[in-house]
Amino acid sequence: MSPVLNRRKFLSYLGTGTAALAAAGAGLDGLVKTAEAKGLFHQPGRAKKPKYGPLKFTPIEPSTKDELVLPKGYRYDVIASYGDKINPKGDTFGFNNDYTLYFPMDNKKGRGLLWVNHEYVSDLFVFGRTIETGYTAEQINTLLYNQGGSVIEVYQDSKGWKMDPSSTYARRVTGLTPIDLTGPARGSAAVDGAVTVQGTFANCSGGRTLWNTVLTCEENFESTSKAAKLNQTHYGWVVEVDPFNPRFQIRKHTALGRFNHENTCMGLAKDGRVVVYMGDDKKDACVYKFISKGTYKPKAGKKNAKLLEEGVLYAANFAKGQWIPLTIEAVRKKAEGNSALLERFKTQADVLVNCHEAALLLGGTPTDRPEDVEISPFDGTIFIAHTNNDKHGNFHGHITRFYEKDDDHGALEFQFAIFAAGGIQSGFSAPDNLTFDEDGNLWTVTDISSSSMNTAIWTPFGNNGVFVIPTHGKQEGEAFQFASAPVEAELTGPCFTPDEKTLFLSVQHPGEETEDLAKPTSMWPHRNGDDIPRPSVVAITGF
């Protein structure tokens, strides 16, 4: 048995110390009821109702096996692995797949397109050796090609899920693809006048738009842009792609800011404006949201993409419970008397290109690696995975829950709670990507670094995993393990099909600590003919 203690939930944050202490005297239930009476917690009443059924699986124990371990009754199919051909043209599946997003095809049950991010490459597995003295021109092309994203066509038959390599939809979007810039930074001095840039890479997570395109996010772009001698201001953006339409101009939306983007999550304000929540995956970084100037028009379809070109970007100030607008006027006022800052920030484009610095200057709260941000489809509250931050002793991370004022995503005030905290008391460490199921459960994958895994304080957790956390009822905030990753791998990008009978999942960087190709630390997915481990996307069934 693992040394995991009884899982109990968290400490709620009320925001007014005296009131919180008084409410706590009545116990946790009293605290919640007092907060609800004050209008601080989100009130129910959304149209979509969770089923709140029992867990559909028997939780597993932590594992150190070189296998994707699932509960009894569940199975997985490997759909695509690094290097697999995805279309008749001969394009190949990139390296270190991350975020996945499924788009069902009309009138074709069990068939659809799957968007998959590719975050970075491993020199050892891609080039056969570690590159120490700089990449050749050919290696740079390989480096850029194997990042970005893949559109693959997938289908389910009597034997399981498969990729269709004859697909006319399947294609690659890479670090070599021409991409337009939109918004305030387009053509500005802050991006050296660029209106079109080369490629997208370091693609971590993402999100779906209300008009059914994908927003893929550039996260740790610095090393690749430096290696390829590319302008760093052209990377660190949110990129929009239409998987079904290659003629849709791929674009980077500069109005959403430039930082180490983990993902996006889109919702609507009560007045119809589009709201996009985002996390900046680095230590002491902020949580953001963008509110469009215009309003969403369902009949306008893909033309709604223009909404992401103009609006206001905000950073969260946790101490005040406020969203702080990141405007050039506010920055210059704050920078009065500081000639270096006034020189750095002259236009709104400068604010967006140097978003992290501007956010901290204006009072955005530095937090513990805010990664995935998701809106509950049931009550509209916002969940944020704060993965960890060893600079402040937060080694296991936590999940934060935001309650926007008046249940409005367009509000500029909020309250928050620590929904669940990582550690041996909860059974998980380093929460990362998030998604929801029909029962109102929050699903999270974990991101313990491969160098720390199964050592010291991380020993009880075994390999990285998938955990399910109810958001309602007696088990609210408790974590139950659904899957365990292969050796040194990270599980990323969980995405259900609309009927929730299949869960797509990426298995990223198995065997990442390998130093000698003759002695790989993992050989997952254990395919005949493979001589290296291969990052792969799987489809899990049995629900």
Protein backbone atom coordinates (compact mmCIF):
# COMPACT_ATOMS: atom_id res chain seq x y z
CA MET A 1 0.00 0.00 0.00
CA SER A 2 1.21 3.50 -0.74
CA PRO A 3 1.76 5.85 2.23
CA VAL A 4 -1.10 8.10 1.17
CA LEU A 5 -3.18 9.42 4.05
CA ASN A 6 -6.95 9.82 4.13
CA ARG A 7 -7.76 12.43 1.53
CA ARG A 8 -9.56 15.44 2.92
CA LYS A 9 -10.23 18.72 1.39
CA PHE A 10 -8.52 22.04 1.69
CA LEU A 11 -8.75 25.33 3.40
CA SER A 12 -11.33 27.73 1.95
CA TYR A 13 -10.38 31.34 1.50
CA LEU A 14 -13.02 33.93 2.35
CA GLY A 15 -10.98 37.09 1.96
CA THR A 16 -12.01 38.91 5.18
CA GLY A 17 -9.99 37.55 8.10
CA THR A 18 -12.37 38.35 10.97
CA ALA A 19 -15.40 37.05 9.09
CA ALA A 20 -13.48 33.94 8.10
CA LEU A 21 -12.54 33.17 11.71
CA ALA A 22 -16.10 33.72 12.89
CA ALA A 23 -17.49 31.50 10.16
CA ALA A 24 -14.88 28.83 10.84
CA GLY A 25 -16.25 28.54 14.37
CA ALA A 26 -19.31 26.90 12.86
CA GLY A 27 -17.13 24.41 10.98
CA LEU A 28 -16.49 24.11 7.23
CA ASP A 29 -20.19 23.97 6.35
CA GLY A 30 -20.75 27.16 8.30
CA LEU A 31 -17.91 28.81 6.42
CA VAL A 32 -19.33 27.90 3.04
CA LYS A 33 -22.90 28.96 3.99
CA THR A 34 -21.64 32.28 5.36
CA ALA A 35 -19.70 32.91 2.15
CA GLU A 36 -22.75 32.06 0.03
CA ALA A 37 -24.91 34.41 2.10
CA LYS A 38 -22.43 37.20 1.39
CA GLY A 39 -22.59 36.45 -2.33
CA LEU A 40 -18.90 35.53 -2.40
CA PHE A 41 -19.26 31.99 -3.69
CA HIS A 42 -20.69 31.03 -7.02
CA GLN A 43 -24.43 30.34 -6.96
CA PRO A 44 -25.90 27.41 -8.92
CA GLY A 45 -28.33 27.84 -11.79
CA ARG A 46 -26.40 27.17 -15.00
CA ALA A 47 -28.31 25.31 -17.69
CA LYS A 48 -25.96 22.33 -17.86
CA LYS A 49 -26.46 20.00 -14.91
CA PRO A 50 -23.89 17.43 -13.81
CA LYS A 51 -25.09 13.89 -13.18
CA TYR A 52 -23.07 13.60 -9.96
CA GLY A 53 -22.91 9.85 -10.36
CA PRO A 54 -20.44 7.54 -8.62
CA LEU A 55 -16.93 7.06 -9.95
CA LYS A 56 -16.97 4.82 -13.02
CA PHE A 57 -13.73 3.06 -12.09
CA THR A 58 -11.91 1.46 -9.18
CA PRO A 59 -8.96 3.74 -8.33
CA ILE A 60 -5.48 2.33 -8.87
CA GLU A 61 -2.40 2.58 -6.66
CA PRO A 62 0.75 4.49 -7.68
CA SER A 63 3.00 2.51 -10.03
CA THR A 64 6.60 2.59 -11.25
CA LYS A 65 6.00 0.23 -14.19
CA ASP A 66 7.11 1.09 -17.72
CA GLU A 67 3.50 0.93 -18.85
CA LEU A 68 0.37 3.01 -19.08
CA VAL A 69 -1.50 1.44 -16.17
CA LEU A 70 -5.32 1.73 -16.14
CA PRO A 71 -8.11 0.47 -13.87
CA LYS A 72 -9.61 -2.95 -14.46
CA GLY A 73 -11.99 -2.91 -17.42
CA TYR A 74 -10.19 -0.14 -19.32
CA ARG A 75 -7.81 -0.43 -22.27
CA TYR A 76 -5.82 1.86 -24.52
CA ASP A 77 -5.00 1.95 -28.22
CA VAL A 78 -1.86 3.70 -29.45
CA ILE A 79 -3.16 5.95 -32.23
CA ALA A 80 -0.04 7.81 -33.36
CA SER A 81 3.61 7.84 -32.30
CA TYR A 82 6.58 10.01 -33.14
CA GLY A 83 7.62 9.47 -36.76
CA ASP A 84 4.40 7.80 -37.95
CA LYS A 85 3.15 8.91 -41.37
CA ILE A 86 -0.11 10.83 -41.04
CA ASN A 87 -1.12 11.49 -44.67
CA PRO A 88 -0.39 10.42 -48.28
CA LYS A 89 2.01 13.36 -48.64
CA GLY A 90 4.32 11.66 -46.16
CA ASP A 91 4.09 14.14 -43.29
CA THR A 92 5.07 12.57 -40.00
CA PHE A 93 3.77 12.87 -36.45
CA GLY A 94 5.95 15.27 -34.43
CA PHE A 95 7.78 14.76 -31.17
CA ASN A 96 6.57 15.13 -27.58
CA ASN A 97 2.85 15.33 -28.23
CA ASP A 98 0.94 17.34 -25.62
CA TYR A 99 -2.53 18.93 -25.86
CA THR A 100 -5.22 17.04 -27.78
CA LEU A 101 -8.59 18.28 -29.02
CA TYR A 102 -11.14 16.09 -30.77
CA PHE A 103 -13.43 17.40 -33.53
CA PRO A 104 -16.13 14.88 -34.51
CA MET A 105 -17.04 14.67 -38.18
CA ASP A 106 -20.64 15.40 -39.14
CA ASN A 107 -22.68 12.27 -39.87
CA LYS A 108 -19.66 10.00 -39.31
CA LYS A 109 -20.03 8.25 -35.98
CA GLY A 110 -16.73 7.24 -34.42
CA ARG A 111 -14.63 9.34 -36.79
CA GLY A 112 -13.12 12.78 -36.38
CA LEU A 113 -10.07 14.98 -36.48
CA LEU A 114 -7.66 15.15 -33.59
CA TRP A 115 -5.47 18.20 -33.10
CA VAL A 116 -2.25 17.36 -31.24
CA ASN A 117 0.40 19.80 -29.98
CA HIS A 118 4.13 19.02 -30.21
CA GLU A 119 6.06 20.81 -27.49
CA TYR A 120 9.80 20.12 -27.89
CA VAL A 121 12.29 17.52 -29.09
CA SER A 122 14.85 15.30 -27.42
CA ASP A 123 18.17 15.59 -29.25
CA LEU A 124 19.15 12.06 -28.28
CA PHE A 125 16.04 10.43 -29.77
CA VAL A 126 15.64 12.76 -32.76
CA PHE A 127 19.28 13.24 -33.81
CA GLY A 128 20.83 10.19 -32.20
CA ARG A 129 23.09 12.30 -29.98
CA THR A 130 23.04 15.37 -27.76
CA ILE A 131 23.80 18.54 -29.73
CA GLU A 132 26.36 20.61 -27.83
CA THR A 133 28.02 22.89 -30.41
CA GLY A 134 25.05 24.25 -32.36
CA TYR A 135 22.63 22.77 -34.90
CA THR A 136 23.33 22.47 -38.61
CA ALA A 137 20.82 23.99 -41.06
CA GLU A 138 19.35 20.52 -41.66
CA GLN A 139 19.05 19.87 -37.92
CA ILE A 140 17.32 23.22 -37.41
CA ASN A 141 14.72 22.24 -40.00
CA THR A 142 14.21 18.93 -38.19
CA LEU A 143 13.99 20.73 -34.84
CA LEU A 144 11.32 23.09 -36.16
CA TYR A 145 9.38 20.47 -38.14
CA ASN A 146 8.91 18.19 -35.16
CA GLN A 147 7.26 20.91 -33.05
CA GLY A 148 4.01 22.77 -33.66
CA GLY A 149 0.97 20.60 -34.17
CA SER A 150 -0.56 17.70 -36.10
CA VAL A 151 -4.03 17.33 -37.55
CA ILE A 152 -4.75 13.61 -37.78
CA GLU A 153 -7.91 11.74 -38.75
CA VAL A 154 -8.95 9.05 -36.28
CA TYR A 155 -11.70 6.45 -36.29
CA GLN A 156 -13.03 3.62 -34.18
CA ASP A 157 -13.84 0.15 -35.52
CA SER A 158 -14.55 -3.18 -33.85
CA LYS A 159 -10.87 -3.53 -32.89
CA GLY A 160 -10.44 -0.09 -31.36
CA TRP A 161 -9.23 3.39 -32.33
CA LYS A 162 -6.83 3.97 -35.22
CA MET A 163 -5.31 6.76 -37.26
CA ASP A 164 -6.25 7.01 -40.95
CA PRO A 165 -3.01 7.78 -42.87
CA SER A 166 -4.98 8.19 -46.11
CA SER A 167 -6.77 11.25 -44.72
CA THR A 168 -7.13 14.33 -46.93
CA TYR A 169 -7.50 16.47 -43.79
CA ALA A 170 -4.32 15.35 -42.04
CA ARG A 171 -1.50 17.88 -42.12
CA ARG A 172 1.26 19.48 -40.06
CA VAL A 173 1.57 22.99 -38.69
CA THR A 174 5.22 23.45 -37.73
CA GLY A 175 8.02 25.83 -36.89
CA LEU A 176 8.39 26.36 -40.62
CA THR A 177 4.77 27.39 -41.39
CA PRO A 178 4.11 31.06 -42.33
CA ILE A 179 1.74 32.59 -39.73
CA ASP A 180 0.06 36.01 -39.62
CA LEU A 181 0.12 38.34 -36.65
CA THR A 182 -3.10 40.07 -35.58
CA GLY A 183 -3.88 42.73 -33.01
CA PRO A 184 -1.96 45.68 -31.56
CA ALA A 185 1.55 44.23 -32.00
CA ARG A 186 1.09 43.45 -35.71
CA GLY A 187 3.58 45.51 -37.72
CA SER A 188 4.80 47.33 -34.59
CA ALA A 189 8.35 48.18 -33.62
CA ALA A 190 7.92 45.79 -30.68
CA VAL A 191 8.04 42.85 -33.15
CA ASP A 192 10.45 44.55 -35.54
CA GLY A 193 7.64 45.47 -37.91
CA ALA A 194 6.57 41.89 -38.62
CA VAL A 195 3.10 41.14 -39.99
CA THR A 196 3.93 37.50 -40.81
CA VAL A 197 6.29 35.27 -38.84
CA GLN A 198 7.87 31.88 -39.31
CA GLY A 199 6.23 29.01 -37.56
CA THR A 200 4.95 27.97 -34.17
CA PHE A 201 6.79 25.80 -31.66
CA ALA A 202 6.95 24.97 -27.95
CA ASN A 203 3.22 24.19 -28.24
CA CYS A 204 2.06 23.08 -24.82
CA SER A 205 -1.68 23.15 -24.18
CA GLY A 206 -4.53 25.06 -25.81
CA GLY A 207 -8.27 25.48 -26.01
CA ARG A 208 -11.34 25.35 -28.23
CA THR A 209 -13.02 28.52 -29.46
CA LEU A 210 -16.77 29.06 -29.48
CA TRP A 211 -16.56 28.93 -33.29
CA ASN A 212 -14.86 25.51 -33.25
CA THR A 213 -11.24 26.29 -34.03
CA VAL A 214 -8.26 25.43 -31.86
CA LEU A 215 -6.08 27.87 -29.93
CA THR A 216 -2.63 26.33 -29.51
CA CYS A 217 -0.24 27.96 -27.04
CA GLU A 218 3.48 28.66 -27.30
CA GLU A 219 5.09 28.04 -23.93
CA ASN A 220 8.86 27.60 -23.42
CA PHE A 221 9.87 29.04 -26.78
CA GLU A 222 13.20 30.56 -25.75
CA SER A 223 15.57 27.66 -26.43
CA THR A 224 14.20 26.79 -29.88
CA SER A 225 14.06 30.39 -31.09
CA LYS A 226 17.64 30.92 -29.91
CA ALA A 227 18.88 27.70 -31.51
CA ALA A 228 17.16 28.55 -34.82
CA LYS A 229 18.29 32.22 -34.63
CA LEU A 230 14.70 33.47 -34.80
CA ASN A 231 13.31 36.70 -33.35
CA GLN A 232 12.04 35.82 -29.86
CA THR A 233 9.30 38.47 -29.98
CA HIS A 234 7.61 36.38 -32.67
CA TYR A 235 6.98 33.54 -30.18
CA GLY A 236 5.13 33.13 -26.91
CA TRP A 237 1.73 33.83 -28.44
CA VAL A 238 -1.67 32.13 -28.79
CA VAL A 239 -2.10 30.65 -32.28
CA GLU A 240 -5.46 29.94 -33.97
CA VAL A 241 -5.86 27.03 -36.41
CA ASP A 242 -8.93 25.55 -38.13
CA PRO A 243 -8.32 21.77 -38.35
CA PHE A 244 -10.99 21.28 -41.04
CA ASN A 245 -9.95 24.16 -43.28
CA PRO A 246 -6.31 24.53 -44.42
CA ARG A 247 -7.32 27.76 -46.21
CA PHE A 248 -8.12 29.41 -42.86
CA GLN A 249 -5.13 31.70 -42.31
CA ILE A 250 -3.26 30.54 -39.23
CA ARG A 251 -2.76 33.53 -36.94
CA LYS A 252 -1.08 34.62 -33.72
CA HIS A 253 -3.37 36.83 -31.64
CA THR A 254 -1.11 39.44 -30.04
CA ALA A 255 -4.00 41.02 -28.08
CA LEU A 256 -3.86 37.95 -25.81
CA GLY A 257 -0.32 38.81 -24.71
CA ARG A 258 3.10 37.24 -25.07
CA PHE A 259 4.32 35.02 -22.24
CA ASN A 260 4.91 31.32 -21.53
CA HIS A 261 1.34 30.32 -22.40
CA GLU A 262 0.08 27.01 -21.05
CA ASN A 263 -3.47 27.05 -22.38
CA THR A 264 -6.59 29.07 -23.07
CA CYS A 265 -10.15 28.60 -21.92
CA MET A 266 -12.92 30.57 -23.59
CA GLY A 267 -16.22 31.71 -22.13
CA LEU A 268 -18.74 34.51 -22.50
CA ALA A 269 -19.41 37.54 -20.35
CA LYS A 270 -23.06 38.20 -19.53
CA ASP A 271 -23.10 40.97 -22.15
CA GLY A 272 -21.85 38.60 -24.88
CA ARG A 273 -18.20 39.60 -24.99
CA VAL A 274 -15.68 36.78 -25.39
CA VAL A 275 -13.48 36.03 -22.36
CA VAL A 276 -10.26 34.01 -22.56
CA TYR A 277 -8.55 32.78 -19.37
CA MET A 278 -4.83 31.94 -19.54
CA GLY A 279 -1.94 30.80 -17.36
CA ASP A 280 1.76 31.68 -17.62
CA ASP A 281 3.75 28.54 -16.86
CA LYS A 282 6.74 29.75 -14.94
CA LYS A 283 7.58 30.41 -11.32
CA ASP A 284 6.18 33.66 -9.92
CA ALA A 285 3.98 34.31 -12.94
CA CYS A 286 0.46 35.69 -13.27
CA VAL A 287 -3.01 34.48 -14.22
CA TYR A 288 -4.59 36.41 -17.11
CA LYS A 289 -7.86 36.95 -18.87
CA PHE A 290 -8.73 38.78 -22.09
CA ILE A 291 -12.11 40.42 -22.68
CA SER A 292 -12.99 41.27 -26.26
CA LYS A 293 -14.29 44.67 -27.31
CA GLY A 294 -16.97 43.19 -29.56
CA THR A 295 -19.63 40.59 -28.80
CA TYR A 296 -19.96 37.02 -29.99
CA LYS A 297 -22.36 36.36 -32.88
CA PRO A 298 -23.10 32.63 -33.27
CA LYS A 299 -24.26 33.05 -36.88
CA ALA A 300 -20.97 34.72 -37.82
CA GLY A 301 -19.08 31.43 -37.46
CA LYS A 302 -15.32 31.67 -38.01
CA LYS A 303 -15.59 35.44 -38.56
CA ASN A 304 -15.78 35.67 -34.76
CA ALA A 305 -12.02 35.15 -34.78
CA LYS A 306 -11.79 38.94 -35.26
CA LEU A 307 -12.96 39.27 -31.64
CA LEU A 308 -9.52 38.12 -30.50
CA GLU A 309 -7.86 41.07 -32.21
CA GLU A 310 -9.21 43.88 -30.04
CA GLY A 311 -9.99 44.02 -26.32
CA VAL A 312 -8.39 44.40 -22.90
CA LEU A 313 -5.92 42.02 -21.28
CA TYR A 314 -6.03 41.71 -17.47
CA ALA A 315 -3.84 40.15 -14.77
CA ALA A 316 -5.24 38.79 -11.52
CA ASN A 317 -4.40 40.55 -8.25
CA PHE A 318 -5.20 37.87 -5.65
CA ALA A 319 -4.76 40.16 -2.63
CA LYS A 320 -7.42 42.60 -3.87
CA GLY A 321 -9.59 40.10 -5.72
CA GLN A 322 -9.36 42.27 -8.81
CA TRP A 323 -8.53 41.95 -12.49
CA ILE A 324 -5.96 44.64 -13.35
CA PRO A 325 -6.11 46.08 -16.91
CA LEU A 326 -2.75 45.98 -18.68
CA THR A 327 -2.87 49.21 -20.66
CA ILE A 328 -0.07 51.46 -21.88
CA GLU A 329 -1.63 54.39 -20.00
CA ALA A 330 -1.51 52.50 -16.69
CA VAL A 331 2.03 51.26 -17.29
CA ARG A 332 3.42 54.69 -18.14
CA LYS A 333 1.70 56.25 -15.15
CA LYS A 334 3.23 53.60 -12.88
CA ALA A 335 6.63 54.08 -14.53
CA GLU A 336 6.77 57.86 -14.03
CA GLY A 337 10.28 58.89 -13.09
CA ASN A 338 11.82 55.64 -14.35
CA SER A 339 13.41 56.51 -17.68
CA ALA A 340 14.35 52.91 -18.51
CA LEU A 341 10.76 51.70 -18.12
CA LEU A 342 9.35 54.68 -20.02
CA GLU A 343 11.73 53.90 -22.86
CA ARG A 344 10.73 50.23 -22.81
CA PHE A 345 6.98 50.87 -22.74
CA LYS A 346 5.88 53.39 -25.36
CA THR A 347 2.90 51.64 -26.97
CA GLN A 348 0.30 48.98 -26.21
CA ALA A 349 2.34 46.65 -28.41
CA ASP A 350 5.24 47.03 -25.97
CA VAL A 351 2.93 46.06 -23.09
CA LEU A 352 1.75 42.93 -24.91
CA VAL A 353 5.22 41.84 -26.03
CA ASN A 354 6.60 42.35 -22.50
CA CYS A 355 3.45 41.12 -20.77
CA HIS A 356 4.99 39.46 -17.70
CA GLU A 357 6.96 42.55 -16.73
CA ALA A 358 3.97 44.84 -17.29
CA ALA A 359 1.67 42.60 -15.24
CA LEU A 360 3.98 42.56 -12.22
CA LEU A 361 4.54 46.31 -12.50
CA LEU A 362 0.79 46.97 -12.30
CA GLY A 363 0.10 44.63 -9.39
CA GLY A 364 -0.53 41.22 -10.94
CA THR A 365 0.11 38.55 -8.29
CA PRO A 366 3.11 36.26 -8.92
CA THR A 367 1.93 32.70 -8.34
CA ASP A 368 3.20 29.13 -8.39
CA ARG A 369 3.39 28.16 -12.07
CA PRO A 370 -0.21 28.71 -13.20
CA GLU A 371 -0.66 26.12 -15.92
CA ASP A 372 -4.03 24.91 -17.16
CA VAL A 373 -7.06 27.16 -16.56
CA GLU A 374 -10.54 25.72 -17.20
CA ILE A 375 -14.12 26.91 -16.76
CA SER A 376 -16.49 24.45 -15.12
CA PRO A 377 -19.25 23.72 -17.66
CA PHE A 378 -21.66 23.27 -14.75
CA ASP A 379 -21.32 26.34 -12.54
CA GLY A 380 -18.96 28.64 -14.42
CA THR A 381 -16.28 28.70 -11.72
CA ILE A 382 -12.69 28.77 -12.95
CA PHE A 383 -10.13 26.12 -11.97
CA ILE A 384 -6.41 26.88 -12.14
CA ALA A 385 -3.65 24.27 -11.82
CA HIS A 386 -0.76 25.82 -9.91
CA THR A 387 1.78 23.10 -10.57
CA ASN A 388 4.45 23.93 -7.95
CA ASN A 389 7.10 26.46 -6.96
CA ASP A 390 10.11 25.28 -5.00
CA LYS A 391 11.19 28.92 -4.51
CA HIS A 392 8.39 29.22 -1.95
CA GLY A 393 8.34 25.68 -0.58
CA ASN A 394 5.30 24.68 -2.65
CA PHE A 395 6.74 21.40 -3.91
CA HIS A 396 3.46 19.63 -4.72
CA GLY A 397 1.28 22.43 -6.09
CA HIS A 398 -2.45 23.03 -5.73
CA ILE A 399 -5.63 23.73 -7.69
CA THR A 400 -7.26 27.12 -7.22
CA ARG A 401 -10.95 27.87 -7.84
CA PHE A 402 -12.09 31.36 -8.88
CA TYR A 403 -15.57 32.74 -8.25
CA GLU A 404 -16.25 35.73 -10.50
CA LYS A 405 -18.49 38.46 -9.07
CA ASP A 406 -22.17 38.03 -10.04
CA ASP A 407 -21.27 34.80 -11.86
CA ASP A 408 -20.03 36.96 -14.74
CA HIS A 409 -16.87 36.09 -16.65
CA GLY A 410 -16.74 39.73 -17.64
CA ALA A 411 -16.52 40.85 -14.01
CA LEU A 412 -13.43 42.63 -12.72
CA GLU A 413 -13.71 41.30 -9.15
CA PHE A 414 -13.43 37.74 -7.83
CA GLN A 415 -13.00 35.53 -4.78
CA PHE A 416 -11.00 32.32 -4.72
CA ALA A 417 -10.46 29.10 -2.81
CA ILE A 418 -7.76 26.44 -2.68
CA PHE A 419 -9.84 23.62 -4.14
CA ALA A 420 -7.27 20.84 -3.66
CA ALA A 421 -3.64 20.75 -2.52
CA GLY A 422 -1.01 18.31 -3.72
CA GLY A 423 0.88 16.14 -1.24
CA ILE A 424 0.70 12.71 0.37
CA GLN A 425 -2.57 13.70 2.03
CA SER A 426 -4.21 13.95 -1.41
CA GLY A 427 -2.19 11.36 -3.31
CA PHE A 428 -1.08 13.59 -6.19
CA SER A 429 1.72 16.07 -6.86
CA ALA A 430 2.18 18.80 -9.49
CA PRO A 431 -1.28 19.16 -11.11
CA ASP A 432 -1.15 20.25 -14.74
CA ASN A 433 -3.79 19.90 -17.50
CA LEU A 434 -7.46 19.86 -16.47
CA THR A 435 -10.78 18.73 -17.95
CA PHE A 436 -14.28 17.81 -16.72
CA ASP A 437 -16.59 14.82 -17.12
CA GLU A 438 -20.40 14.66 -17.17
CA ASP A 439 -20.53 13.86 -13.44
CA GLY A 440 -18.96 17.17 -12.51
CA ASN A 441 -15.58 15.61 -11.74
CA LEU A 442 -12.36 17.47 -12.45
CA TRP A 443 -9.70 15.38 -14.19
CA THR A 444 -6.07 16.39 -13.78
CA VAL A 445 -2.79 14.98 -15.02
CA THR A 446 0.43 15.48 -13.06
CA ASP A 447 3.82 16.90 -14.00
CA ILE A 448 6.44 15.70 -11.55
CA SER A 449 9.75 16.32 -13.32
CA SER A 450 11.41 13.15 -14.56
CA SER A 451 14.58 14.01 -12.60
CA SER A 452 12.60 14.14 -9.32
CA MET A 453 10.23 11.26 -9.94
CA ASN A 454 10.44 8.39 -7.45
CA THR A 455 13.04 10.20 -5.35
CA ALA A 456 12.94 11.95 -1.97
CA ILE A 457 9.56 13.52 -1.18
CA TRP A 458 8.12 12.38 -4.53
CA THR A 459 8.71 8.66 -3.87
CA PRO A 460 5.14 7.91 -2.62
CA PHE A 461 3.56 9.10 -5.89
CA GLY A 462 5.35 6.70 -8.24
CA ASN A 463 5.19 7.75 -11.89
CA ASN A 464 3.07 10.64 -13.13
CA GLY A 465 -0.63 9.95 -13.38
CA VAL A 466 -4.22 10.94 -14.09
CA PHE A 467 -6.45 11.81 -11.13
CA VAL A 468 -10.18 12.43 -10.82
CA ILE A 469 -11.44 14.94 -8.23
CA PRO A 470 -15.17 15.40 -7.51
CA THR A 471 -16.25 19.05 -7.40
CA HIS A 472 -19.41 18.42 -5.37
CA GLY A 473 -20.66 16.26 -2.50
CA LYS A 474 -18.93 14.43 0.33
CA GLN A 475 -15.88 13.61 -1.78
CA GLU A 476 -15.39 17.16 -3.09
CA GLY A 477 -11.69 17.94 -3.37
CA GLU A 478 -10.56 14.31 -2.91
CA ALA A 479 -8.34 12.77 -5.59
CA PHE A 480 -8.64 9.25 -7.01
CA GLN A 481 -6.01 7.86 -9.37
CA PHE A 482 -7.19 6.68 -12.79
CA ALA A 483 -3.92 6.09 -14.67
CA SER A 484 -0.17 5.79 -14.15
CA ALA A 485 2.35 6.79 -16.82
CA PRO A 486 5.31 4.81 -18.18
CA VAL A 487 8.81 5.46 -16.82
CA GLU A 488 9.80 9.16 -16.81
CA ALA A 489 6.75 10.05 -18.90
CA GLU A 490 4.19 12.78 -18.37
CA LEU A 491 0.51 12.34 -19.22
CA THR A 492 -0.90 15.42 -20.95
CA GLY A 493 -3.82 16.78 -22.96
CA PRO A 494 -6.79 14.71 -21.67
CA CYS A 495 -9.79 15.14 -23.96
CA PHE A 496 -13.09 13.22 -24.00
CA THR A 497 -15.21 12.45 -27.03
CA PRO A 498 -18.67 14.11 -26.79
CA ASP A 499 -20.25 10.84 -25.57
CA GLU A 500 -17.44 10.41 -22.99
CA LYS A 501 -16.87 6.83 -24.05
CA THR A 502 -13.28 7.60 -25.11
CA LEU A 503 -10.54 9.64 -23.48
CA PHE A 504 -7.69 10.83 -25.70
CA LEU A 505 -4.42 11.28 -23.83
CA SER A 506 -0.82 12.11 -24.73
CA VAL A 507 2.07 10.14 -23.29
CA GLN A 508 4.96 12.59 -23.44
CA HIS A 509 8.72 12.03 -23.10
CA PRO A 510 8.87 8.37 -21.91
CA GLY A 511 12.47 7.55 -21.02
CA GLU A 512 13.41 11.23 -20.84
CA GLU A 513 16.40 10.61 -18.57
CA THR A 514 18.05 8.21 -21.06
CA GLU A 515 21.75 9.00 -21.53
CA ASP A 516 22.78 6.04 -23.70
CA LEU A 517 20.68 4.95 -26.69
CA ALA A 518 21.83 1.38 -26.06
CA LYS A 519 20.27 1.55 -22.59
CA PRO A 520 16.97 3.47 -22.78
CA THR A 521 15.24 3.86 -19.42
CA SER A 522 11.87 3.21 -21.10
CA MET A 523 10.79 1.38 -24.24
CA TRP A 524 7.12 2.35 -24.12
CA PRO A 525 4.94 1.86 -26.18
CA HIS A 526 6.81 -1.43 -26.66
CA ARG A 527 6.11 -1.70 -30.40
CA ASN A 528 7.81 -4.33 -32.52
CA GLY A 529 10.70 -2.80 -34.46
CA ASP A 530 11.14 0.24 -32.24
CA ASP A 531 14.62 0.90 -30.84
CA ILE A 532 13.67 4.01 -28.84
CA PRO A 533 10.70 5.01 -26.67
CA ARG A 534 8.19 7.10 -28.63
CA PRO A 535 5.89 9.85 -27.43
CA SER A 536 2.40 8.79 -28.48
CA VAL A 537 -1.28 9.65 -28.35
CA VAL A 538 -3.61 6.98 -27.01
CA ALA A 539 -7.37 6.44 -26.91
CA ILE A 540 -8.67 4.99 -23.64
CA THR A 541 -11.97 3.08 -23.69
CA GLY A 542 -14.05 1.14 -21.18
CA PHE A 543 -16.14 3.96 -19.73
